[in-house]
Amino acid sequence: MISPFSSKVLQPLHVKDQSHKNFLIDQAHTIPSIIVSSAAASNAVMLGGGYFTPLKGYMDLADVLSVSKNMRITSGIFWPIPVVNMVPEESLTEEIKSARKIALLDPNVDGHPLIAIQSVDKIEKITDQQVSKIAEQVYGTKDILHPGVASFFAAGKILISGDIEVLNYSYFESEFPDTFRTAVEIRNEIKKRNWKRVIAFQTRNPMHRAHEELCRIAKKQLNADGILIHMLLGKLKEGDIPADIRNASIRKMVELYFPEDTVMVTGYGFDMLYAGPREAVLHAIFRQNAGCSHLIVGRDHAGVGDYYGTFDAQTIFDSIPGETLQIEIFRCDHTVWCFKCGAVVMMKDCPHEKDDYLLLSGTRVREILSEGKEIPPEFSRPEVAKILSEYYQTL
């Protein structure tokens, strides 16, 4: 199986030893605590599950600036997006300023339970100028209408860096018990199935027929053993379809339209960044750590609005040194319904003309649903459309 990213072994930071876990829980009562942002909590979940291998915790300012500018930590390790615990200045108490360790509390669960213990290596203030520069380098824009930029600006200007020990996976295990999986668990399942060549498909949307066909095309062209449908389960921007609805619709599609034992439907606990090309690279690292050999990268991968070029998330991989990533990228062209073919096709592989095509997109599916109209069968399987339509009728 493919090796983890920049490491010989996967490095999950979730504490398994019960006696040590009990010690940390007791310790949390004696050290300062802080309710972190949703982004910092999801970073803890990803560190705990091994997806952020080989990282050991939250980055300091020097690493953040280096990653933003050069996509490398100061130690030289390649990494595309800062992994941070940023908090507002007003939450920085005198206790926290002098603490060697702090308890991180979950903002996304009632009662704000303990999610991790963090060593406090540094507490640093980021200037407004640095925040703007980081946003511009990572997201390609400083526009506060960009949902990822808005969240980054709102997190605070105080950076608390240091290693962490993760105690639980927030709400993801309880709300998505059949879907949430760590990188460790996915690797183990791939080994169990004896899959060698595995294609990962990233999604934050329900899968319409173009997505479904992309998975088939990639599997056939790469002669793959299986497909990992890996859905984001964390926070999204307003208007996106909730994780439980996406989960139900994707599972129904796989159940009815894919051969048995060829697809693993899983999810991971991360908040969407909408960082386009940089996030596509991060997605590749996630899937390499999960044991996949290939990642499908299509049109406007991880994008939002018109902030990125249609295929920027593919071309960014051309600038990454060849030895950096072991996982390979399967690049997809525009995918359309061709009336003459009577099927979903990639335009570059189809001999017909533009007038024969119906463009397929998740945005268009959401527009049709929000208008209360039926989704055409060219866009979505009827069983999937039924689940989505029932959800929209409740809004």
Protein backbone atom coordinates (compact mmCIF):
# COMPACT_ATOMS: atom_id res chain seq x y z
CA MET A 1 0.00 0.00 0.00
CA ILE A 2 1.04 3.60 -0.62
CA SER A 3 3.03 5.10 2.27
CA PRO A 4 1.60 7.89 4.44
CA PHE A 5 2.57 11.42 3.46
CA SER A 6 6.17 12.31 4.40
CA SER A 7 6.32 9.42 6.88
CA LYS A 8 6.94 5.67 6.97
CA VAL A 9 3.99 5.12 9.30
CA LEU A 10 0.70 6.87 9.93
CA GLN A 11 0.84 9.17 12.96
CA PRO A 12 -2.63 9.56 14.50
CA LEU A 13 -2.70 11.75 17.62
CA HIS A 14 -5.81 10.23 19.18
CA VAL A 15 -5.04 8.84 22.65
CA LYS A 16 -5.92 5.15 22.72
CA ASP A 17 -4.46 4.12 26.07
CA GLN A 18 -7.32 4.44 28.55
CA SER A 19 -5.12 5.08 31.58
CA HIS A 20 -3.34 7.94 29.81
CA LYS A 21 -6.67 9.26 28.57
CA ASN A 22 -8.01 9.28 32.14
CA PHE A 23 -4.85 11.09 33.26
CA LEU A 24 -5.40 13.80 30.61
CA ILE A 25 -9.06 14.18 31.53
CA ASP A 26 -8.09 14.66 35.18
CA GLN A 27 -5.35 17.07 34.15
CA ALA A 28 -7.89 19.16 32.22
CA HIS A 29 -9.52 20.12 35.55
CA THR A 30 -6.27 21.65 36.79
CA ILE A 31 -5.15 23.64 33.72
CA PRO A 32 -6.68 26.63 31.88
CA SER A 33 -9.26 25.87 29.21
CA ILE A 34 -10.46 27.66 26.10
CA ILE A 35 -13.36 27.12 23.68
CA VAL A 36 -11.67 26.93 20.29
CA SER A 37 -13.08 27.81 16.88
CA SER A 38 -14.84 25.22 14.76
CA ALA A 39 -11.84 25.27 12.39
CA ALA A 40 -9.40 24.53 15.23
CA ALA A 41 -11.67 21.74 16.52
CA SER A 42 -11.84 20.13 13.08
CA ASN A 43 -8.06 20.43 12.82
CA ALA A 44 -7.87 18.48 16.10
CA VAL A 45 -10.15 15.79 14.67
CA MET A 46 -7.96 15.49 11.57
CA LEU A 47 -4.77 15.36 13.64
CA GLY A 48 -6.37 12.72 15.85
CA GLY A 49 -7.38 10.54 12.91
CA GLY A 50 -4.00 10.58 11.18
CA TYR A 51 -5.10 12.65 8.17
CA PHE A 52 -2.56 15.37 9.02
CA THR A 53 0.41 12.99 9.26
CA PRO A 54 3.23 13.94 9.88
CA LEU A 55 2.08 17.04 11.81
CA LYS A 56 2.08 16.91 15.61
CA GLY A 57 -0.10 19.92 16.39
CA TYR A 58 -0.82 23.55 15.59
CA MET A 59 1.70 25.68 13.69
CA ASP A 60 3.50 28.76 15.03
CA LEU A 61 3.67 32.06 13.15
CA ALA A 62 6.94 31.27 11.35
CA ASP A 63 5.44 28.02 10.00
CA VAL A 64 2.17 29.73 9.07
CA LEU A 65 3.98 32.42 7.09
CA SER A 66 6.26 29.85 5.43
CA VAL A 67 3.38 27.55 4.49
CA SER A 68 1.34 30.46 3.15
CA LYS A 69 4.18 31.74 0.99
CA ASN A 70 6.06 28.59 -0.03
CA MET A 71 3.83 25.64 0.90
CA ARG A 72 6.56 24.40 3.23
CA ILE A 73 6.94 24.30 7.00
CA THR A 74 10.20 25.90 8.25
CA SER A 75 11.57 22.36 8.78
CA GLY A 76 11.26 21.82 5.02
CA ILE A 77 8.21 19.52 5.04
CA PHE A 78 5.77 20.30 2.25
CA TRP A 79 2.31 21.45 3.44
CA PRO A 80 -0.24 23.53 1.49
CA ILE A 81 -2.43 25.22 4.14
CA PRO A 82 -1.71 26.47 7.69
CA VAL A 83 -3.03 24.28 10.53
CA VAL A 84 -3.74 26.67 13.37
CA ASN A 85 -5.43 27.35 16.67
CA MET A 86 -6.38 31.02 16.33
CA VAL A 87 -8.36 32.69 19.11
CA PRO A 88 -9.68 36.21 19.81
CA GLU A 89 -7.47 38.43 21.95
CA GLU A 90 -10.19 38.79 24.61
CA SER A 91 -10.12 35.06 25.30
CA LEU A 92 -6.42 35.16 26.17
CA THR A 93 -6.46 35.18 29.99
CA GLU A 94 -3.43 35.64 32.23
CA GLU A 95 -3.73 31.95 33.15
CA ILE A 96 -3.44 30.92 29.53
CA LYS A 97 -0.52 33.29 28.93
CA SER A 98 1.52 31.56 31.64
CA ALA A 99 0.28 27.98 31.04
CA ARG A 100 2.43 25.15 29.74
CA LYS A 101 -0.69 23.19 28.73
CA ILE A 102 -4.30 24.13 28.01
CA ALA A 103 -7.53 22.18 27.61
CA LEU A 104 -9.26 22.68 24.27
CA LEU A 105 -13.06 22.68 24.47
CA ASP A 106 -15.34 21.75 21.57
CA PRO A 107 -17.49 24.62 20.20
CA ASN A 108 -19.72 22.27 18.20
CA VAL A 109 -21.10 20.06 20.99
CA ASP A 110 -23.50 21.13 23.72
CA GLY A 111 -21.71 21.81 27.00
CA HIS A 112 -18.38 22.33 25.18
CA PRO A 113 -16.71 19.07 26.26
CA LEU A 114 -12.97 18.51 26.25
CA ILE A 115 -11.63 17.58 22.81
CA ALA A 116 -7.84 17.76 23.28
CA ILE A 117 -4.95 18.81 25.48
CA GLN A 118 -2.47 21.19 23.87
CA SER A 119 1.08 22.01 24.88
CA VAL A 120 1.65 25.76 24.70
CA ASP A 121 4.90 26.35 22.82
CA LYS A 122 4.22 29.92 21.73
CA ILE A 123 1.51 32.56 21.95
CA GLU A 124 1.89 35.06 19.12
CA LYS A 125 -0.15 37.92 17.73
CA ILE A 126 -0.74 38.11 13.99
CA THR A 127 -0.93 41.60 12.54
CA ASP A 128 -3.79 42.71 10.28
CA GLN A 129 -1.27 42.98 7.45
CA GLN A 130 -0.11 39.38 8.02
CA VAL A 131 -3.70 38.08 8.17
CA SER A 132 -4.49 39.75 4.83
CA LYS A 133 -1.29 38.42 3.23
CA ILE A 134 -1.95 34.87 4.47
CA ALA A 135 -5.50 34.99 3.10
CA GLU A 136 -4.30 36.26 -0.26
CA GLN A 137 -1.63 33.55 -0.54
CA VAL A 138 -3.77 30.62 0.68
CA TYR A 139 -7.20 31.55 -0.70
CA GLY A 140 -6.08 33.70 -3.62
CA THR A 141 -8.20 36.60 -2.34
CA LYS A 142 -8.76 38.93 0.61
CA ASP A 143 -12.46 39.30 -0.21
CA ILE A 144 -14.53 38.79 2.96
CA LEU A 145 -17.39 37.51 0.80
CA HIS A 146 -15.28 34.38 0.24
CA PRO A 147 -16.56 31.98 2.95
CA GLY A 148 -13.12 30.60 3.78
CA VAL A 149 -11.60 34.07 4.07
CA ALA A 150 -14.52 35.24 6.21
CA SER A 151 -13.98 32.35 8.65
CA PHE A 152 -10.24 32.96 8.74
CA PHE A 153 -10.66 36.67 9.47
CA ALA A 154 -13.26 35.94 12.18
CA ALA A 155 -11.14 33.38 14.08
CA GLY A 156 -9.00 35.95 15.93
CA LYS A 157 -5.48 37.32 15.80
CA ILE A 158 -3.85 35.25 18.57
CA LEU A 159 -1.99 32.12 17.48
CA ILE A 160 -1.43 29.38 20.06
CA SER A 161 1.02 26.78 18.74
CA GLY A 162 2.08 23.41 20.12
CA ASP A 163 1.59 19.66 20.00
CA ILE A 164 -1.76 18.16 20.94
CA GLU A 165 -3.20 14.92 22.27
CA VAL A 166 -6.71 14.27 20.97
CA LEU A 167 -9.32 12.68 23.22
CA ASN A 168 -12.35 12.32 20.92
CA TYR A 169 -13.68 13.02 17.44
CA SER A 170 -16.25 15.68 18.36
CA TYR A 171 -19.78 15.02 17.04
CA PHE A 172 -18.68 13.03 14.02
CA GLU A 173 -18.62 9.58 15.62
CA SER A 174 -22.04 9.94 17.25
CA GLU A 175 -23.87 11.66 14.36
CA PHE A 176 -22.28 9.64 11.54
CA PRO A 177 -21.39 6.26 13.10
CA ASP A 178 -21.65 4.36 9.79
CA THR A 179 -19.76 6.95 7.76
CA PHE A 180 -17.12 8.79 9.80
CA ARG A 181 -13.78 7.00 9.52
CA THR A 182 -10.24 7.94 10.47
CA ALA A 183 -7.33 7.52 8.08
CA VAL A 184 -6.28 4.58 10.25
CA GLU A 185 -9.63 2.85 9.81
CA ILE A 186 -9.72 3.39 6.05
CA ARG A 187 -6.20 1.99 5.65
CA ASN A 188 -7.20 -1.07 7.66
CA GLU A 189 -10.31 -1.59 5.54
CA ILE A 190 -8.36 -1.27 2.30
CA LYS A 191 -5.92 -3.92 3.56
CA LYS A 192 -8.81 -6.16 4.59
CA ARG A 193 -10.30 -5.91 1.09
CA ASN A 194 -6.87 -6.50 -0.46
CA TRP A 195 -7.28 -3.48 -2.70
CA LYS A 196 -4.03 -2.28 -4.29
CA ARG A 197 -5.18 0.54 -6.55
CA VAL A 198 -7.79 2.75 -4.89
CA ILE A 199 -9.39 5.90 -6.33
CA ALA A 200 -10.58 8.59 -3.92
CA PHE A 201 -13.50 10.86 -4.77
CA GLN A 202 -13.83 13.99 -2.63
CA THR A 203 -17.29 15.51 -2.22
CA ARG A 204 -19.06 18.16 -0.20
CA ASN A 205 -22.20 17.78 -2.36
CA PRO A 206 -24.67 15.01 -3.14
CA MET A 207 -23.32 13.08 -6.12
CA HIS A 208 -25.15 13.81 -9.35
CA ARG A 209 -24.74 11.64 -12.42
CA ALA A 210 -21.58 13.38 -13.62
CA HIS A 211 -19.86 12.55 -10.30
CA GLU A 212 -21.07 8.97 -10.53
CA GLU A 213 -19.75 8.59 -14.06
CA LEU A 214 -16.38 10.19 -13.20
CA CYS A 215 -15.86 7.44 -10.63
CA ARG A 216 -16.67 4.79 -13.22
CA ILE A 217 -14.44 6.35 -15.87
CA ALA A 218 -11.51 6.63 -13.47
CA LYS A 219 -11.94 3.07 -12.19
CA LYS A 220 -12.03 1.69 -15.74
CA GLN A 221 -9.11 3.72 -17.11
CA LEU A 222 -6.91 3.02 -14.09
CA ASN A 223 -8.01 -0.60 -13.70
CA ALA A 224 -8.59 0.12 -10.02
CA ASP A 225 -9.72 -2.37 -7.39
CA GLY A 226 -12.10 0.02 -5.67
CA ILE A 227 -13.38 3.54 -5.08
CA LEU A 228 -13.32 5.51 -1.84
CA ILE A 229 -16.17 8.02 -1.79
CA HIS A 230 -14.95 10.33 0.93
CA MET A 231 -17.40 13.04 1.94
CA LEU A 232 -16.72 16.08 4.07
CA LEU A 233 -18.88 15.97 7.21
CA GLY A 234 -17.92 19.29 8.81
CA LYS A 235 -19.18 22.85 8.50
CA LEU A 236 -20.16 24.28 5.13
CA LYS A 237 -21.28 27.65 3.83
CA GLU A 238 -24.92 28.70 3.99
CA GLY A 239 -26.98 27.08 1.23
CA ASP A 240 -24.93 23.88 0.95
CA ILE A 241 -26.77 20.61 1.56
CA PRO A 242 -26.34 19.16 5.10
CA ALA A 243 -24.13 16.13 5.66
CA ASP A 244 -26.94 13.76 6.70
CA ILE A 245 -28.85 14.42 3.45
CA ARG A 246 -25.70 14.02 1.35
CA ASN A 247 -24.86 10.82 3.19
CA ALA A 248 -28.31 9.32 2.57
CA SER A 249 -28.33 10.25 -1.13
CA ILE A 250 -24.80 8.98 -1.80
CA ARG A 251 -25.47 5.69 -0.04
CA LYS A 252 -28.65 5.20 -2.09
CA MET A 253 -26.76 5.86 -5.33
CA VAL A 254 -23.99 3.40 -4.43
CA GLU A 255 -26.49 0.76 -3.31
CA LEU A 256 -28.43 0.87 -6.59
CA TYR A 257 -25.90 1.78 -9.26
CA PHE A 258 -22.49 0.35 -8.35
CA PRO A 259 -21.47 -3.32 -8.19
CA GLU A 260 -21.33 -4.71 -4.67
CA ASP A 261 -18.01 -4.41 -2.81
CA THR A 262 -16.47 -1.94 -5.26
CA VAL A 263 -17.14 1.26 -3.30
CA MET A 264 -16.42 2.35 0.27
CA VAL A 265 -18.68 5.20 1.44
CA THR A 266 -16.91 7.13 4.20
CA GLY A 267 -16.58 10.63 5.61
CA TYR A 268 -14.10 12.78 7.48
CA GLY A 269 -14.49 15.48 10.12
CA PHE A 270 -13.20 18.67 8.57
CA ASP A 271 -14.70 22.11 7.91
CA MET A 272 -14.70 23.14 4.25
CA LEU A 273 -12.18 25.86 3.42
CA TYR A 274 -13.24 26.61 -0.18
CA ALA A 275 -9.54 27.27 -0.86
CA GLY A 276 -9.59 25.88 -4.39
CA PRO A 277 -6.11 24.80 -5.61
CA ARG A 278 -4.45 24.80 -2.18
CA GLU A 279 -7.28 22.74 -0.71
CA ALA A 280 -7.06 20.27 -3.61
CA VAL A 281 -3.45 19.60 -2.60
CA LEU A 282 -4.54 19.16 1.02
CA HIS A 283 -7.19 16.70 -0.18
CA ALA A 284 -4.48 14.71 -1.92
CA ILE A 285 -2.51 14.48 1.32
CA PHE A 286 -5.62 13.32 3.20
CA ARG A 287 -6.17 10.51 0.69
CA GLN A 288 -2.53 9.44 0.58
CA ASN A 289 -2.66 9.14 4.36
CA ALA A 290 -5.86 7.11 4.01
CA GLY A 291 -4.09 4.67 1.67
CA CYS A 292 -5.47 5.71 -1.71
CA SER A 293 -3.32 5.58 -4.83
CA HIS A 294 -5.28 8.15 -6.86
CA LEU A 295 -7.49 11.21 -6.29
CA ILE A 296 -10.03 12.45 -8.81
CA VAL A 297 -9.63 16.20 -9.37
CA GLY A 298 -12.28 17.70 -11.60
CA ARG A 299 -13.62 21.08 -12.59
CA ASP A 300 -13.36 23.78 -9.88
CA HIS A 301 -12.30 21.29 -7.21
CA ALA A 302 -12.83 22.80 -3.71
CA GLY A 303 -13.76 26.11 -5.30
CA VAL A 304 -16.51 28.64 -4.67
CA GLY A 305 -17.96 31.37 -6.86
CA ASP A 306 -15.59 32.72 -9.50
CA TYR A 307 -12.51 33.00 -7.32
CA TYR A 308 -10.54 30.29 -9.17
CA GLY A 309 -9.99 29.23 -12.74
CA THR A 310 -11.88 26.14 -13.89
CA PHE A 311 -8.84 23.87 -13.77
CA ASP A 312 -6.54 25.73 -11.34
CA ALA A 313 -6.94 22.85 -8.87
CA GLN A 314 -5.34 20.54 -11.45
CA THR A 315 -2.52 22.77 -12.69
CA ILE A 316 -1.26 23.49 -9.15
CA PHE A 317 0.00 19.89 -9.05
CA ASP A 318 2.32 20.71 -11.96
CA SER A 319 4.26 23.07 -9.67
CA ILE A 320 4.79 20.47 -6.93
CA PRO A 321 8.12 18.56 -7.08
CA GLY A 322 7.54 15.04 -8.33
CA GLU A 323 8.84 13.26 -5.23
CA THR A 324 6.59 15.22 -2.84
CA LEU A 325 3.36 13.26 -3.28
CA GLN A 326 3.08 9.55 -3.95
CA ILE A 327 -0.64 9.75 -4.69
CA GLU A 328 -1.44 10.40 -8.35
CA ILE A 329 -4.07 12.80 -9.69
CA PHE A 330 -6.75 11.67 -12.15
CA ARG A 331 -7.64 14.84 -14.06
CA CYS A 332 -11.18 15.25 -15.36
CA ASP A 333 -12.49 17.50 -18.10
CA HIS A 334 -15.95 19.08 -18.26
CA THR A 335 -18.52 16.32 -17.78
CA VAL A 336 -21.83 16.61 -19.63
CA TRP A 337 -24.91 14.67 -20.63
CA CYS A 338 -24.65 13.98 -24.35
CA PHE A 339 -28.05 13.49 -25.95
CA LYS A 340 -26.54 11.70 -28.94
CA CYS A 341 -24.53 9.32 -26.74
CA GLY A 342 -27.43 8.97 -24.30
CA ALA A 343 -24.95 9.04 -21.44
CA VAL A 344 -22.71 11.15 -19.22
CA VAL A 345 -19.37 11.76 -20.97
CA MET A 346 -16.22 13.83 -20.59
CA MET A 347 -16.28 16.41 -23.39
CA LYS A 348 -12.70 15.66 -24.45
CA ASP A 349 -13.67 12.03 -25.11
CA CYS A 350 -16.91 12.75 -26.99
CA PRO A 351 -17.08 13.33 -30.78
CA HIS A 352 -20.27 15.42 -30.66
CA GLU A 353 -20.92 19.17 -30.57
CA LYS A 354 -21.84 21.66 -27.84
CA ASP A 355 -25.46 21.74 -28.99
CA ASP A 356 -25.69 18.04 -28.09
CA TYR A 357 -24.66 18.62 -24.48
CA LEU A 358 -26.42 19.37 -21.21
CA LEU A 359 -23.97 20.83 -18.69
CA LEU A 360 -24.18 19.13 -15.29
CA SER A 361 -23.29 20.80 -12.00
CA GLY A 362 -24.09 20.64 -8.31
CA THR A 363 -24.90 24.36 -8.39
CA ARG A 364 -27.55 23.80 -11.04
CA VAL A 365 -29.02 20.88 -9.08
CA ARG A 366 -29.38 23.13 -6.01
CA GLU A 367 -30.99 25.86 -8.12
CA ILE A 368 -33.56 23.43 -9.54
CA LEU A 369 -34.37 22.09 -6.08
CA SER A 370 -34.68 25.55 -4.54
CA GLU A 371 -37.14 26.47 -7.30
CA GLY A 372 -39.30 23.49 -6.29
CA LYS A 373 -38.86 21.81 -9.66
CA GLU A 374 -38.14 18.17 -10.43
CA ILE A 375 -34.53 17.26 -11.21
CA PRO A 376 -34.25 15.93 -14.79
CA PRO A 377 -33.05 12.30 -14.98
CA GLU A 378 -29.99 13.47 -16.95
CA PHE A 379 -28.85 15.32 -13.81
CA SER A 380 -29.63 12.89 -11.04
CA ARG A 381 -30.82 9.36 -10.38
CA PRO A 382 -34.55 9.41 -9.48
CA GLU A 383 -33.95 7.76 -6.10
CA VAL A 384 -31.36 10.40 -5.24
CA ALA A 385 -33.58 13.21 -6.54
CA LYS A 386 -36.39 11.99 -4.28
CA ILE A 387 -34.20 12.29 -1.15
CA LEU A 388 -33.01 15.75 -2.14
CA SER A 389 -36.51 16.98 -3.08
CA GLU A 390 -37.94 15.81 0.24
CA TYR A 391 -35.24 17.74 2.05
CA TYR A 392 -35.89 20.95 0.10
CA GLN A 393 -39.62 20.67 0.81
CA THR A 394 -38.82 20.98 4.53
CA LEU A 395 -37.05 24.33 4.13
